[in-house]
Amino acid sequence: MESEYIALVHAVKEIYWMSSLFEYYDLLNYVNVPTVFSDSMSSIQFLRNDLENTKTKHMRIKYCMARDWFLKGYFVIE
């Protein structure tokens, strides 16, 4: 689950970067909220819910910005 979640976080970072680029060029109004597709249900649940245990605590600290961006509506996960 950890490697899938880290890959998901890297994809979200790219989406955030592209969104800020579109915003800089005033193109953000023409783009819908991006959808991230993932086949790892455990990564999706970890992102959507605030799950934490001893095995995921280091991931929570290092990659928590993806969950924050998801809650702010910067992207949609499916």
Protein backbone atom coordinates (compact mmCIF):
# COMPACT_ATOMS: atom_id res chain seq x y z
CA MET A 1 0.00 0.00 0.00
CA GLU A 2 2.84 2.38 0.76
CA SER A 3 4.33 2.44 -2.73
CA GLU A 4 0.92 2.97 -4.34
CA TYR A 5 0.18 5.84 -1.98
CA ILE A 6 3.55 7.47 -2.64
CA ALA A 7 2.92 7.22 -6.40
CA LEU A 8 -0.50 8.79 -5.83
CA VAL A 9 1.09 11.64 -3.89
CA HIS A 10 3.57 12.29 -6.70
CA ALA A 11 0.70 12.42 -9.21
CA VAL A 12 -1.15 14.87 -6.96
CA LYS A 13 1.97 17.06 -6.74
CA GLU A 14 2.08 17.22 -10.54
CA ILE A 15 -1.60 18.13 -10.67
CA TYR A 16 -1.08 20.88 -8.13
CA TRP A 17 1.86 22.24 -10.12
CA MET A 18 -0.13 22.22 -13.36
CA SER A 19 -3.09 23.88 -11.67
CA SER A 20 -0.86 26.66 -10.39
CA LEU A 21 0.59 27.04 -13.88
CA PHE A 22 -2.92 27.31 -15.36
CA GLU A 23 -3.82 29.82 -12.68
CA TYR A 24 -0.76 31.91 -13.52
CA TYR A 25 -1.83 32.10 -17.18
CA ASP A 26 -5.51 32.67 -16.27
CA LEU A 27 -6.56 29.35 -17.80
CA LEU A 28 -7.89 27.83 -14.59
CA ASN A 29 -11.47 28.89 -15.40
CA TYR A 30 -11.39 26.70 -18.51
CA VAL A 31 -10.23 23.55 -16.72
CA ASN A 32 -12.42 21.29 -14.58
CA VAL A 33 -11.26 19.86 -11.28
CA PRO A 34 -8.79 17.11 -12.21
CA THR A 35 -9.67 13.49 -11.54
CA VAL A 36 -6.97 11.10 -10.32
CA PHE A 37 -7.61 7.45 -11.09
CA SER A 38 -6.13 4.78 -8.85
CA ASP A 39 -6.70 1.04 -8.69
CA SER A 40 -5.39 0.78 -5.13
CA MET A 41 -8.41 0.88 -2.85
CA SER A 42 -6.23 1.00 0.26
CA SER A 43 -4.49 4.14 -1.01
CA ILE A 44 -7.82 5.75 -1.85
CA GLN A 45 -9.22 4.92 1.60
CA PHE A 46 -6.05 6.20 3.26
CA LEU A 47 -6.41 9.47 1.36
CA ARG A 48 -10.14 9.91 1.99
CA ASN A 49 -10.21 8.85 5.63
CA ASP A 50 -7.98 9.83 8.48
CA LEU A 51 -6.59 6.34 9.07
CA GLU A 52 -3.48 6.08 11.15
CA ASN A 53 -1.75 3.19 12.84
CA THR A 54 1.82 2.31 13.68
CA LYS A 55 2.54 1.13 10.13
CA THR A 56 1.30 4.30 8.45
CA LYS A 57 2.43 7.00 10.86
CA HIS A 58 5.59 7.87 8.90
CA MET A 59 3.51 8.13 5.71
CA ARG A 60 1.03 10.41 7.41
CA ILE A 61 3.75 12.83 8.45
CA LYS A 62 5.64 12.89 5.17
CA TYR A 63 2.75 12.85 2.70
CA CYS A 64 -0.06 14.62 4.55
CA MET A 65 -0.34 17.44 2.01
CA ALA A 66 -2.12 15.17 -0.47
CA ARG A 67 -4.97 14.64 1.98
CA ASP A 68 -5.15 18.37 2.68
CA TRP A 69 -5.33 19.15 -1.03
CA PHE A 70 -8.02 16.49 -1.47
CA LEU A 71 -10.12 18.03 1.32
CA LYS A 72 -9.67 21.49 -0.22
CA GLY A 73 -11.06 20.17 -3.51
CA TYR A 74 -7.96 20.57 -5.68
CA PHE A 75 -8.60 17.14 -7.21
CA VAL A 76 -11.06 14.24 -7.17
CA ILE A 77 -10.00 10.63 -6.61
CA GLU A 78 -11.64 7.61 -8.20
